[in-house]
Amino acid sequence: MKKIALSFVLVLLVFFMQACAMAPMAGNVSFDDPLYFNELTMTFTNTSQDDILYQVGNPADDFILLYRLHADTPNSEDEAVYFTFMSTLYQLSISQNMSMGQLFNLSSSELKDKFDQASITFSINDVVTFNTIKTEIDFYKQNQSSPRVSKSAYIEYRLSIDLSNDAYQSLVYFQSFFNEFKYDNSSFYIRDYDFETFLSMAETSQSFSEDESLKLETAYGLIKAILELN
């Protein structure tokens, strides 16, 4: 019995160490770090708060990206179904004060009760869609794997653009500075402030050349553009 308990503890320790290795340490975030899909939020952006992409995702858009990355034959019809369902489920999670992960731990009948409470129709097609997504998420849980994507690819997907080298360098510079900035401004979140306010706060501790200011503005604008789509 002791051997079994010890083995279980060792498995948990290995899994914990892997999880820690996958998550960048606060204050040491790089733009070249990948983003990992998180089954609790159903997004790729449940990151360190020092990450410039912290919580810029939403379950509908991010699941479509996951689908495109891993489906054998992705198609626009399935994407439309998944996007509509995940958008509805996200609104339900907010109204029921439940995480997306908690909703996906429910059975179909339990989820229907939540839909009924929110006066939202839950169709047979919704049951099929829910169970299909649930099976996909359970697969990652059972295999202790987490799908990942580069930050550049994530931004390109969300904004339907191709990042230029200048834009990429701007994002790299912004993330490097943001690590230091968040150390003194821990309660700062990009979604809450425009660029002028951010720059004014940043200039209290550091002066910027014209080129550096332009890089900050370019990168800040890209992040705000994603947030405005949510």
Protein backbone atom coordinates (compact mmCIF):
# COMPACT_ATOMS: atom_id res chain seq x y z
CA MET A 1 0.00 0.00 0.00
CA LYS A 2 2.86 2.36 0.87
CA LYS A 3 4.53 1.59 -2.46
CA ILE A 4 1.32 2.44 -4.33
CA ALA A 5 0.95 5.71 -2.41
CA LEU A 6 4.59 6.61 -3.05
CA SER A 7 4.20 5.87 -6.77
CA PHE A 8 1.11 8.08 -6.91
CA VAL A 9 2.95 10.93 -5.20
CA LEU A 10 5.85 10.59 -7.64
CA VAL A 11 3.46 10.73 -10.61
CA LEU A 12 1.87 13.89 -9.22
CA LEU A 13 5.30 15.41 -8.60
CA VAL A 14 6.41 14.73 -12.19
CA PHE A 15 3.17 16.20 -13.55
CA PHE A 16 3.54 19.26 -11.33
CA MET A 17 7.12 19.80 -12.45
CA GLN A 18 6.07 19.54 -16.10
CA ALA A 19 3.30 22.07 -15.55
CA CYS A 20 5.71 24.47 -13.87
CA ALA A 21 8.19 24.12 -16.71
CA MET A 22 5.48 24.93 -19.26
CA ALA A 23 4.42 28.15 -17.54
CA PRO A 24 6.81 31.13 -17.77
CA MET A 25 7.87 32.58 -14.44
CA ALA A 26 6.44 35.99 -13.57
CA GLY A 27 8.82 38.75 -14.53
CA ASN A 28 10.68 36.52 -16.95
CA VAL A 29 8.25 36.28 -19.87
CA SER A 30 9.50 36.18 -23.44
CA PHE A 31 7.42 36.89 -26.52
CA ASP A 32 8.94 33.73 -27.97
CA ASP A 33 7.38 31.59 -25.23
CA PRO A 34 4.53 29.47 -26.67
CA LEU A 35 0.92 29.76 -25.55
CA TYR A 36 -0.69 26.64 -24.07
CA PHE A 37 -4.37 25.74 -24.32
CA ASN A 38 -5.98 25.75 -20.89
CA GLU A 39 -9.02 23.51 -20.38
CA LEU A 40 -10.29 25.58 -17.43
CA THR A 41 -10.66 28.81 -19.40
CA MET A 42 -10.76 27.13 -22.85
CA THR A 43 -8.30 29.73 -24.12
CA PHE A 44 -4.64 29.97 -25.05
CA THR A 45 -4.08 33.07 -22.95
CA ASN A 46 -4.40 31.97 -19.33
CA THR A 47 -0.81 33.13 -18.88
CA SER A 48 1.33 34.92 -16.34
CA GLN A 49 -0.06 38.39 -15.65
CA ASP A 50 3.28 39.76 -16.88
CA ASP A 51 2.51 38.41 -20.36
CA ILE A 52 1.25 41.04 -22.82
CA LEU A 53 -1.28 38.45 -24.06
CA TYR A 54 -2.69 37.76 -20.59
CA GLN A 55 -6.42 36.95 -20.93
CA VAL A 56 -6.82 38.48 -24.39
CA GLY A 57 -8.40 35.26 -25.66
CA ASN A 58 -11.98 34.07 -25.60
CA PRO A 59 -13.29 30.47 -25.67
CA ALA A 60 -15.04 30.73 -29.05
CA ASP A 61 -12.13 32.11 -31.08
CA ASP A 62 -9.51 30.10 -29.24
CA PHE A 63 -11.32 26.80 -29.68
CA ILE A 64 -11.56 27.41 -33.43
CA LEU A 65 -7.78 27.88 -33.45
CA LEU A 66 -7.41 24.61 -31.52
CA TYR A 67 -9.73 22.92 -34.03
CA ARG A 68 -7.70 24.22 -36.99
CA LEU A 69 -4.45 23.05 -35.41
CA HIS A 70 -5.56 19.51 -34.61
CA ALA A 71 -8.55 18.48 -36.74
CA ASP A 72 -7.72 16.00 -39.50
CA THR A 73 -9.91 17.81 -42.02
CA PRO A 74 -11.10 21.16 -40.61
CA ASN A 75 -13.96 22.78 -42.50
CA SER A 76 -15.89 26.04 -42.30
CA GLU A 77 -19.24 24.39 -41.52
CA ASP A 78 -17.92 22.71 -38.39
CA GLU A 79 -16.14 25.93 -37.41
CA ALA A 80 -19.41 27.86 -37.58
CA VAL A 81 -21.16 25.28 -35.35
CA TYR A 82 -18.35 25.24 -32.80
CA PHE A 83 -18.02 29.02 -32.75
CA THR A 84 -21.74 29.58 -32.15
CA PHE A 85 -21.91 26.95 -29.42
CA MET A 86 -18.77 28.12 -27.62
CA SER A 87 -19.95 31.75 -27.77
CA THR A 88 -23.24 30.74 -26.15
CA LEU A 89 -21.49 28.58 -23.58
CA TYR A 90 -19.14 31.44 -22.69
CA GLN A 91 -22.09 33.74 -22.02
CA LEU A 92 -23.65 30.97 -19.92
CA SER A 93 -20.45 30.64 -17.89
CA ILE A 94 -20.60 34.34 -17.09
CA SER A 95 -24.30 34.34 -16.17
CA GLN A 96 -23.93 31.19 -14.03
CA ASN A 97 -20.64 32.34 -12.49
CA MET A 98 -18.93 29.13 -13.58
CA SER A 99 -15.67 28.55 -15.43
CA MET A 100 -15.72 26.94 -18.86
CA GLY A 101 -13.89 24.00 -17.32
CA GLN A 102 -16.66 23.54 -14.75
CA LEU A 103 -19.30 23.52 -17.50
CA PHE A 104 -17.40 20.84 -19.40
CA ASN A 105 -17.32 18.69 -16.27
CA LEU A 106 -21.12 18.52 -16.38
CA SER A 107 -23.13 15.81 -18.10
CA SER A 108 -25.38 16.75 -21.02
CA SER A 109 -28.47 16.66 -18.81
CA GLU A 110 -26.79 18.82 -16.15
CA LEU A 111 -25.74 21.32 -18.81
CA LYS A 112 -29.29 21.41 -20.14
CA ASP A 113 -30.47 22.40 -16.66
CA LYS A 114 -28.01 25.33 -16.75
CA PHE A 115 -29.31 26.37 -20.16
CA ASP A 116 -32.89 26.18 -18.88
CA GLN A 117 -32.01 28.35 -15.88
CA ALA A 118 -30.63 30.96 -18.27
CA SER A 119 -33.68 30.62 -20.58
CA ILE A 120 -31.48 29.43 -23.47
CA THR A 121 -32.60 26.66 -25.81
CA PHE A 122 -30.48 23.52 -25.66
CA SER A 123 -31.02 21.45 -28.80
CA ILE A 124 -30.06 17.91 -29.79
CA ASN A 125 -27.36 19.40 -32.02
CA ASP A 126 -25.99 21.24 -28.98
CA VAL A 127 -25.75 17.93 -27.11
CA VAL A 128 -23.73 16.43 -29.97
CA THR A 129 -21.46 19.49 -30.19
CA PHE A 130 -20.93 19.58 -26.42
CA ASN A 131 -20.00 15.89 -26.25
CA THR A 132 -17.67 16.19 -29.25
CA ILE A 133 -15.75 19.07 -27.64
CA LYS A 134 -15.82 17.37 -24.25
CA THR A 135 -14.25 14.23 -25.76
CA GLU A 136 -11.49 16.33 -27.32
CA ILE A 137 -10.70 18.08 -24.03
CA ASP A 138 -10.81 14.81 -22.07
CA PHE A 139 -8.25 13.38 -24.50
CA TYR A 140 -5.76 16.12 -23.60
CA LYS A 141 -6.43 15.67 -19.89
CA GLN A 142 -5.90 11.91 -20.01
CA ASN A 143 -2.69 12.30 -21.97
CA GLN A 144 -1.50 15.17 -19.73
CA SER A 145 -0.78 17.16 -22.87
CA SER A 146 -1.53 20.76 -23.69
CA PRO A 147 -1.80 21.99 -27.30
CA ARG A 148 0.36 25.03 -27.94
CA VAL A 149 0.79 27.79 -30.50
CA SER A 150 3.34 30.56 -30.98
CA LYS A 151 2.34 34.05 -29.92
CA SER A 152 2.99 35.39 -33.41
CA ALA A 153 0.67 32.77 -34.92
CA TYR A 154 -1.98 33.51 -32.30
CA ILE A 155 -1.96 37.24 -33.04
CA GLU A 156 -2.03 36.61 -36.79
CA TYR A 157 -5.02 34.29 -36.37
CA ARG A 158 -7.00 36.63 -34.14
CA LEU A 159 -6.39 39.71 -36.30
CA SER A 160 -6.34 37.93 -39.69
CA ILE A 161 -3.01 39.52 -40.56
CA ASP A 162 0.57 38.59 -41.38
CA LEU A 163 2.95 40.11 -38.87
CA SER A 164 5.77 42.09 -40.43
CA ASN A 165 9.25 41.78 -38.99
CA ASP A 166 8.92 45.31 -37.60
CA ALA A 167 5.68 44.36 -35.84
CA TYR A 168 7.30 41.21 -34.44
CA GLN A 169 10.28 43.19 -33.14
CA SER A 170 7.88 45.69 -31.58
CA LEU A 171 6.10 42.89 -29.71
CA VAL A 172 9.41 41.44 -28.52
CA TYR A 173 10.49 44.86 -27.23
CA PHE A 174 7.12 45.54 -25.60
CA GLN A 175 7.16 42.21 -23.74
CA SER A 176 10.72 42.79 -22.55
CA PHE A 177 9.80 46.20 -21.16
CA PHE A 178 6.44 45.01 -19.81
CA ASN A 179 8.20 42.55 -17.49
CA GLU A 180 9.86 45.49 -15.72
CA PHE A 181 6.79 47.70 -15.93
CA LYS A 182 4.54 45.15 -14.22
CA TYR A 183 7.00 44.85 -11.33
CA ASP A 184 6.12 48.43 -10.32
CA ASN A 185 2.53 48.39 -11.67
CA SER A 186 1.18 44.97 -10.69
CA SER A 187 -2.48 46.03 -10.99
CA PHE A 188 -2.06 47.33 -14.56
CA TYR A 189 -3.98 45.50 -17.28
CA ILE A 190 -3.76 46.50 -20.94
CA ARG A 191 -7.51 46.13 -21.42
CA ASP A 192 -8.15 48.98 -18.95
CA TYR A 193 -5.89 51.69 -20.38
CA ASP A 194 -5.24 53.44 -23.68
CA PHE A 195 -1.71 53.75 -25.02
CA GLU A 196 -1.23 57.39 -23.98
CA THR A 197 -1.97 56.54 -20.35
CA PHE A 198 0.36 53.54 -20.45
CA LEU A 199 3.18 55.58 -21.99
CA SER A 200 2.72 58.34 -19.43
CA MET A 201 3.02 55.79 -16.63
CA ALA A 202 6.03 54.12 -18.28
CA GLU A 203 7.89 57.41 -18.69
CA THR A 204 7.92 58.00 -14.94
CA SER A 205 10.68 55.41 -14.66
CA GLN A 206 12.31 55.39 -18.09
CA SER A 207 12.79 57.62 -21.12
CA PHE A 208 12.27 56.26 -24.64
CA SER A 209 13.75 57.12 -28.00
CA GLU A 210 11.39 57.86 -30.87
CA ASP A 211 11.99 54.37 -32.24
CA GLU A 212 11.27 52.73 -28.87
CA SER A 213 8.05 54.74 -28.44
CA LEU A 214 6.92 53.67 -31.89
CA LYS A 215 7.60 50.02 -31.07
CA LEU A 216 5.58 50.29 -27.87
CA GLU A 217 2.70 51.97 -29.70
CA THR A 218 2.70 49.39 -32.48
CA ALA A 219 2.67 46.44 -30.09
CA TYR A 220 0.16 48.01 -27.72
CA GLY A 221 -2.15 48.68 -30.64
CA LEU A 222 -2.07 45.04 -31.73
CA ILE A 223 -2.99 43.79 -28.26
CA LYS A 224 -5.79 46.34 -27.92
CA ALA A 225 -7.12 45.35 -31.35
CA ILE A 226 -7.51 41.74 -30.17
CA LEU A 227 -9.24 42.84 -26.97
CA GLU A 228 -11.68 44.95 -28.97
CA LEU A 229 -12.74 41.84 -30.92
CA ASN A 230 -13.80 39.97 -27.76
